Amino acid sequence: MGDKFIKTMGAKLINTGSRGKLYEIDLKDDPDKVARYVKVKDASTAREYYLRVPPAIKTASEAVAWT
């Protein structure tokens, strides 16, 4: 889905770093109540991915390091 995923789910950008962007999606039926995704670019193919990270992560840099 790419960028359409973020728009469809109503995600909000919460942090931008040099290696990615961190988004948050409200999920009222999820035990964590939110889902966080970091948008990263594969350096070898230039493809972009959204990877789910734990909700306690606060920055895009921290999210990339976690992955």
PDB file of N, CA and C in Angstrom:
ATOM      1  N   MET A   1       0.812  -1.207   0.000  1.00  0.00           N
ATOM      2  CA  MET A   1       0.000   0.000   0.000  1.00  0.00           C
ATOM      3  C   MET A   1       0.851   1.265   0.000  1.00  0.00           C
ATOM      4  N   GLY A   2       2.048   1.190   0.502  1.00  0.00           N
ATOM      5  CA  GLY A   2       2.923   2.358   0.503  1.00  0.00           C
ATOM      6  C   GLY A   2       2.341   3.535   1.259  1.00  0.00           C
ATOM      7  N   ASP A   3       2.482   4.724   0.686  1.00  0.00           N
ATOM      8  CA  ASP A   3       1.991   5.939   1.345  1.00  0.00           C
ATOM      9  C   ASP A   3       0.475   5.936   1.514  1.00  0.00           C
ATOM     10  N   LYS A   4      -0.218   5.171   0.690  1.00  0.00           N
ATOM     11  CA  LYS A   4      -1.671   5.062   0.822  1.00  0.00           C
ATOM     12  C   LYS A   4      -2.040   4.465   2.185  1.00  0.00           C
ATOM     13  N   PHE A   5      -1.205   3.580   2.695  1.00  0.00           N
ATOM     14  CA  PHE A   5      -1.421   2.964   4.009  1.00  0.00           C
ATOM     15  C   PHE A   5      -1.536   4.036   5.094  1.00  0.00           C
ATOM     16  N   ILE A   6      -0.623   4.978   5.103  1.00  0.00           N
ATOM     17  CA  ILE A   6      -0.599   6.033   6.112  1.00  0.00           C
ATOM     18  C   ILE A   6      -1.844   6.907   6.001  1.00  0.00           C
ATOM     19  N   LYS A   7      -2.219   7.259   4.804  1.00  0.00           N
ATOM     20  CA  LYS A   7      -3.406   8.095   4.604  1.00  0.00           C
ATOM     21  C   LYS A   7      -4.676   7.350   4.988  1.00  0.00           C
ATOM     22  N   THR A   8      -4.795   6.099   4.560  1.00  0.00           N
ATOM     23  CA  THR A   8      -5.989   5.307   4.836  1.00  0.00           C
ATOM     24  C   THR A   8      -6.192   5.081   6.333  1.00  0.00           C
ATOM     25  N   MET A   9      -5.121   4.851   7.044  1.00  0.00           N
ATOM     26  CA  MET A   9      -5.202   4.559   8.472  1.00  0.00           C
ATOM     27  C   MET A   9      -5.266   5.817   9.337  1.00  0.00           C
ATOM     28  N   GLY A  10      -5.100   6.995   8.730  1.00  0.00           N
ATOM     29  CA  GLY A  10      -5.159   8.240   9.483  1.00  0.00           C
ATOM     30  C   GLY A  10      -3.968   8.448  10.397  1.00  0.00           C
ATOM     31  N   ALA A  11      -2.810   8.015   9.956  1.00  0.00           N
ATOM     32  CA  ALA A  11      -1.601   8.136  10.766  1.00  0.00           C
ATOM     33  C   ALA A  11      -1.153   9.586  10.895  1.00  0.00           C
ATOM     34  N   LYS A  12      -0.523   9.875  12.031  1.00  0.00           N
ATOM     35  CA  LYS A  12       0.060  11.200  12.204  1.00  0.00           C
ATOM     36  C   LYS A  12       1.568  11.065  12.363  1.00  0.00           C
ATOM     37  N   LEU A  13       2.287  11.970  11.736  1.00  0.00           N
ATOM     38  CA  LEU A  13       3.744  12.006  11.820  1.00  0.00           C
ATOM     39  C   LEU A  13       4.118  12.518  13.203  1.00  0.00           C
ATOM     40  N   ILE A  14       4.927  11.743  13.938  1.00  0.00           N
ATOM     41  CA  ILE A  14       5.309  12.192  15.276  1.00  0.00           C
ATOM     42  C   ILE A  14       6.786  12.532  15.406  1.00  0.00           C
ATOM     43  N   ASN A  15       7.615  12.073  14.433  1.00  0.00           N
ATOM     44  CA  ASN A  15       9.036  12.420  14.494  1.00  0.00           C
ATOM     45  C   ASN A  15       9.682  12.140  13.149  1.00  0.00           C
ATOM     46  N   THR A  16      10.636  12.982  12.787  1.00  0.00           N
ATOM     47  CA  THR A  16      11.422  12.799  11.570  1.00  0.00           C
ATOM     48  C   THR A  16      12.890  12.779  11.945  1.00  0.00           C
ATOM     49  N   GLY A  17      13.613  11.814  11.409  1.00  0.00           N
ATOM     50  CA  GLY A  17      15.044  11.714  11.636  1.00  0.00           C
ATOM     51  C   GLY A  17      15.770  11.591  10.313  1.00  0.00           C
ATOM     52  N   SER A  18      17.065  11.509  10.377  1.00  0.00           N
ATOM     53  CA  SER A  18      17.862  11.432   9.157  1.00  0.00           C
ATOM     54  C   SER A  18      17.708  10.089   8.437  1.00  0.00           C
ATOM     55  N   ARG A  19      17.207   9.059   9.145  1.00  0.00           N
ATOM     56  CA  ARG A  19      17.098   7.727   8.548  1.00  0.00           C
ATOM     57  C   ARG A  19      15.666   7.232   8.395  1.00  0.00           C
ATOM     58  N   GLY A  20      14.678   8.078   8.748  1.00  0.00           N
ATOM     59  CA  GLY A  20      13.301   7.642   8.600  1.00  0.00           C
ATOM     60  C   GLY A  20      12.310   8.604   9.220  1.00  0.00           C
ATOM     61  N   LYS A  21      11.028   8.228   9.151  1.00  0.00           N
ATOM     62  CA  LYS A  21       9.940   9.008   9.732  1.00  0.00           C
ATOM     63  C   LYS A  21       9.105   8.078  10.596  1.00  0.00           C
ATOM     64  N   LEU A  22       8.699   8.570  11.766  1.00  0.00           N
ATOM     65  CA  LEU A  22       7.918   7.767  12.694  1.00  0.00           C
ATOM     66  C   LEU A  22       6.478   8.255  12.708  1.00  0.00           C
ATOM     67  N   TYR A  23       5.559   7.313  12.484  1.00  0.00           N
ATOM     68  CA  TYR A  23       4.124   7.610  12.436  1.00  0.00           C
ATOM     69  C   TYR A  23       3.406   6.868  13.550  1.00  0.00           C
ATOM     70  N   GLU A  24       2.261   7.429  13.959  1.00  0.00           N
ATOM     71  CA  GLU A  24       1.428   6.788  14.968  1.00  0.00           C
ATOM     72  C   GLU A  24      -0.005   6.684  14.466  1.00  0.00           C
ATOM     73  N   ILE A  25      -0.611   5.533  14.722  1.00  0.00           N
ATOM     74  CA  ILE A  25      -2.000   5.283  14.342  1.00  0.00           C
ATOM     75  C   ILE A  25      -2.764   4.904  15.606  1.00  0.00           C
ATOM     76  N   ASP A  26      -3.884   5.569  15.873  1.00  0.00           N
ATOM     77  CA  ASP A  26      -4.727   5.234  17.015  1.00  0.00           C
ATOM     78  C   ASP A  26      -5.504   3.955  16.711  1.00  0.00           C
ATOM     79  N   LEU A  27      -5.442   3.009  17.641  1.00  0.00           N
ATOM     80  CA  LEU A  27      -6.152   1.733  17.499  1.00  0.00           C
ATOM     81  C   LEU A  27      -6.931   1.467  18.784  1.00  0.00           C
ATOM     82  N   LYS A  28      -8.175   1.830  18.810  1.00  0.00           N
ATOM     83  CA  LYS A  28      -8.948   1.713  20.042  1.00  0.00           C
ATOM     84  C   LYS A  28      -9.156   0.270  20.489  1.00  0.00           C
ATOM     85  N   ASP A  29      -9.136  -0.701  19.574  1.00  0.00           N
ATOM     86  CA  ASP A  29      -9.356  -2.099  19.941  1.00  0.00           C
ATOM     87  C   ASP A  29      -8.068  -2.882  20.199  1.00  0.00           C
ATOM     88  N   ASP A  30      -6.937  -2.241  20.078  1.00  0.00           N
ATOM     89  CA  ASP A  30      -5.638  -2.883  20.291  1.00  0.00           C
ATOM     90  C   ASP A  30      -5.226  -2.717  21.757  1.00  0.00           C
ATOM     91  N   PRO A  31      -4.618  -3.718  22.374  1.00  0.00           N
ATOM     92  CA  PRO A  31      -4.190  -3.574  23.776  1.00  0.00           C
ATOM     93  C   PRO A  31      -3.245  -2.397  24.011  1.00  0.00           C
ATOM     94  N   ASP A  32      -2.411  -2.075  23.029  1.00  0.00           N
ATOM     95  CA  ASP A  32      -1.482  -0.946  23.170  1.00  0.00           C
ATOM     96  C   ASP A  32      -2.146   0.398  22.875  1.00  0.00           C
ATOM     97  N   LYS A  33      -3.331   0.387  22.276  1.00  0.00           N
ATOM     98  CA  LYS A  33      -4.104   1.582  21.907  1.00  0.00           C
ATOM     99  C   LYS A  33      -3.514   2.369  20.745  1.00  0.00           C
ATOM    100  N   VAL A  34      -2.247   2.155  20.426  1.00  0.00           N
ATOM    101  CA  VAL A  34      -1.616   2.820  19.286  1.00  0.00           C
ATOM    102  C   VAL A  34      -0.689   1.839  18.578  1.00  0.00           C
ATOM    103  N   ALA A  35      -0.436   2.117  17.330  1.00  0.00           N
ATOM    104  CA  ALA A  35       0.578   1.388  16.572  1.00  0.00           C
ATOM    105  C   ALA A  35       1.533   2.427  16.011  1.00  0.00           C
ATOM    106  N   ARG A  36       2.801   2.142  16.096  1.00  0.00           N
ATOM    107  CA  ARG A  36       3.807   3.038  15.541  1.00  0.00           C
ATOM    108  C   ARG A  36       4.536   2.326  14.419  1.00  0.00           C
ATOM    109  N   TYR A  37       4.775   3.092  13.360  1.00  0.00           N
ATOM    110  CA  TYR A  37       5.453   2.570  12.171  1.00  0.00           C
ATOM    111  C   TYR A  37       6.565   3.530  11.782  1.00  0.00           C
ATOM    112  N   VAL A  38       7.705   2.976  11.422  1.00  0.00           N
ATOM    113  CA  VAL A  38       8.790   3.794  10.914  1.00  0.00           C
ATOM    114  C   VAL A  38       8.878   3.560   9.408  1.00  0.00           C
ATOM    115  N   LYS A  39       8.964   4.650   8.677  1.00  0.00           N
ATOM    116  CA  LYS A  39       9.124   4.580   7.228  1.00  0.00           C
ATOM    117  C   LYS A  39      10.614   4.648   6.931  1.00  0.00           C
ATOM    118  N   VAL A  40      11.115   3.626   6.241  1.00  0.00           N
ATOM    119  CA  VAL A  40      12.540   3.558   5.914  1.00  0.00           C
ATOM    120  C   VAL A  40      12.709   3.290   4.430  1.00  0.00           C
ATOM    121  N   LYS A  41      13.875   3.622   3.930  1.00  0.00           N
ATOM    122  CA  LYS A  41      14.201   3.370   2.525  1.00  0.00           C
ATOM    123  C   LYS A  41      15.350   2.369   2.465  1.00  0.00           C
ATOM    124  N   ASP A  42      15.168   1.335   1.663  1.00  0.00           N
ATOM    125  CA  ASP A  42      16.210   0.344   1.433  1.00  0.00           C
ATOM    126  C   ASP A  42      17.271   0.981   0.539  1.00  0.00           C
ATOM    127  N   ALA A  43      18.469   1.098   1.047  1.00  0.00           N
ATOM    128  CA  ALA A  43      19.544   1.774   0.311  1.00  0.00           C
ATOM    129  C   ALA A  43      19.927   1.048  -0.977  1.00  0.00           C
ATOM    130  N   SER A  44      19.759  -0.263  -1.023  1.00  0.00           N
ATOM    131  CA  SER A  44      20.180  -1.006  -2.212  1.00  0.00           C
ATOM    132  C   SER A  44      19.137  -0.990  -3.331  1.00  0.00           C
ATOM    133  N   THR A  45      17.855  -0.817  -2.989  1.00  0.00           N
ATOM    134  CA  THR A  45      16.812  -0.848  -4.014  1.00  0.00           C
ATOM    135  C   THR A  45      16.017   0.448  -4.115  1.00  0.00           C
ATOM    136  N   ALA A  46      16.159   1.332  -3.144  1.00  0.00           N
ATOM    137  CA  ALA A  46      15.422   2.594  -3.046  1.00  0.00           C
ATOM    138  C   ALA A  46      13.927   2.376  -2.757  1.00  0.00           C
ATOM    139  N   ARG A  47      13.528   1.140  -2.441  1.00  0.00           N
ATOM    140  CA  ARG A  47      12.138   0.874  -2.070  1.00  0.00           C
ATOM    141  C   ARG A  47      11.899   1.368  -0.647  1.00  0.00           C
ATOM    142  N   GLU A  48      10.668   1.823  -0.395  1.00  0.00           N
ATOM    143  CA  GLU A  48      10.308   2.325   0.928  1.00  0.00           C
ATOM    144  C   GLU A  48       9.400   1.325   1.629  1.00  0.00           C
ATOM    145  N   TYR A  49       9.599   1.203   2.938  1.00  0.00           N
ATOM    146  CA  TYR A  49       8.846   0.253   3.744  1.00  0.00           C
ATOM    147  C   TYR A  49       8.347   0.930   5.011  1.00  0.00           C
ATOM    148  N   TYR A  50       7.224   0.435   5.518  1.00  0.00           N
ATOM    149  CA  TYR A  50       6.702   0.824   6.820  1.00  0.00           C
ATOM    150  C   TYR A  50       6.853  -0.380   7.744  1.00  0.00           C
ATOM    151  N   LEU A  51       7.619  -0.224   8.808  1.00  0.00           N
ATOM    152  CA  LEU A  51       7.877  -1.311   9.732  1.00  0.00           C
ATOM    153  C   LEU A  51       7.261  -0.973  11.095  1.00  0.00           C
ATOM    154  N   ARG A  52       6.486  -1.899  11.652  1.00  0.00           N
ATOM    155  CA  ARG A  52       5.879  -1.642  12.960  1.00  0.00           C
ATOM    156  C   ARG A  52       6.945  -1.770  14.038  1.00  0.00           C
ATOM    157  N   VAL A  53       6.900  -0.837  14.974  1.00  0.00           N
ATOM    158  CA  VAL A  53       7.839  -0.811  16.099  1.00  0.00           C
ATOM    159  C   VAL A  53       7.038  -0.703  17.394  1.00  0.00           C
ATOM    160  N   PRO A  54       7.651  -0.993  18.540  1.00  0.00           N
ATOM    161  CA  PRO A  54       6.929  -0.906  19.804  1.00  0.00           C
ATOM    162  C   PRO A  54       6.412   0.506  20.079  1.00  0.00           C
ATOM    163  N   PRO A  55       5.270   0.629  20.749  1.00  0.00           N
ATOM    164  CA  PRO A  55       4.681   1.944  20.993  1.00  0.00           C
ATOM    165  C   PRO A  55       5.486   2.825  21.943  1.00  0.00           C
ATOM    166  N   ALA A  56       6.423   2.261  22.674  1.00  0.00           N
ATOM    167  CA  ALA A  56       7.244   3.057  23.588  1.00  0.00           C
ATOM    168  C   ALA A  56       8.337   3.844  22.865  1.00  0.00           C
ATOM    169  N   ILE A  57       8.607   3.507  21.625  1.00  0.00           N
ATOM    170  CA  ILE A  57       9.643   4.201  20.854  1.00  0.00           C
ATOM    171  C   ILE A  57       9.181   5.620  20.539  1.00  0.00           C
ATOM    172  N   LYS A  58      10.067   6.589  20.768  1.00  0.00           N
ATOM    173  CA  LYS A  58       9.704   8.008  20.658  1.00  0.00           C
ATOM    174  C   LYS A  58      10.260   8.722  19.431  1.00  0.00           C
ATOM    175  N   THR A  59      11.354   8.207  18.852  1.00  0.00           N
ATOM    176  CA  THR A  59      11.975   8.915  17.726  1.00  0.00           C
ATOM    177  C   THR A  59      12.182   7.972  16.539  1.00  0.00           C
ATOM    178  N   ALA A  60      12.286   8.558  15.368  1.00  0.00           N
ATOM    179  CA  ALA A  60      12.543   7.767  14.160  1.00  0.00           C
ATOM    180  C   ALA A  60      13.889   7.085  14.243  1.00  0.00           C
ATOM    181  N   SER A  61      14.887   7.760  14.778  1.00  0.00           N
ATOM    182  CA  SER A  61      16.223   7.159  14.901  1.00  0.00           C
ATOM    183  C   SER A  61      16.194   5.949  15.827  1.00  0.00           C
ATOM    184  N   GLU A  62      15.479   6.060  16.932  1.00  0.00           N
ATOM    185  CA  GLU A  62      15.332   4.943  17.865  1.00  0.00           C
ATOM    186  C   GLU A  62      14.603   3.768  17.187  1.00  0.00           C
ATOM    187  N   ALA A  63      13.598   4.087  16.389  1.00  0.00           N
ATOM    188  CA  ALA A  63      12.837   3.049  15.683  1.00  0.00           C
ATOM    189  C   ALA A  63      13.705   2.310  14.682  1.00  0.00           C
ATOM    190  N   VAL A  64      14.512   3.038  13.925  1.00  0.00           N
ATOM    191  CA  VAL A  64      15.399   2.404  12.950  1.00  0.00           C
ATOM    192  C   VAL A  64      16.412   1.518  13.673  1.00  0.00           C
ATOM    193  N   ALA A  65      16.952   2.001  14.783  1.00  0.00           N
ATOM    194  CA  ALA A  65      17.916   1.214  15.548  1.00  0.00           C
ATOM    195  C   ALA A  65      17.255  -0.060  16.082  1.00  0.00           C
ATOM    196  N   TRP A  66      16.006   0.035  16.506  1.00  0.00           N
ATOM    197  CA  TRP A  66      15.290  -1.129  17.029  1.00  0.00           C
ATOM    198  C   TRP A  66      15.114  -2.208  15.973  1.00  0.00           C
ATOM    199  N   THR A  67      14.880  -1.789  14.724  1.00  0.00           N
ATOM    200  CA  THR A  67      14.651  -2.774  13.670  1.00  0.00           C
ATOM    201  C   THR A  67      15.916  -3.523  13.368  1.00  0.00           C
TER     202      THR A  67
END
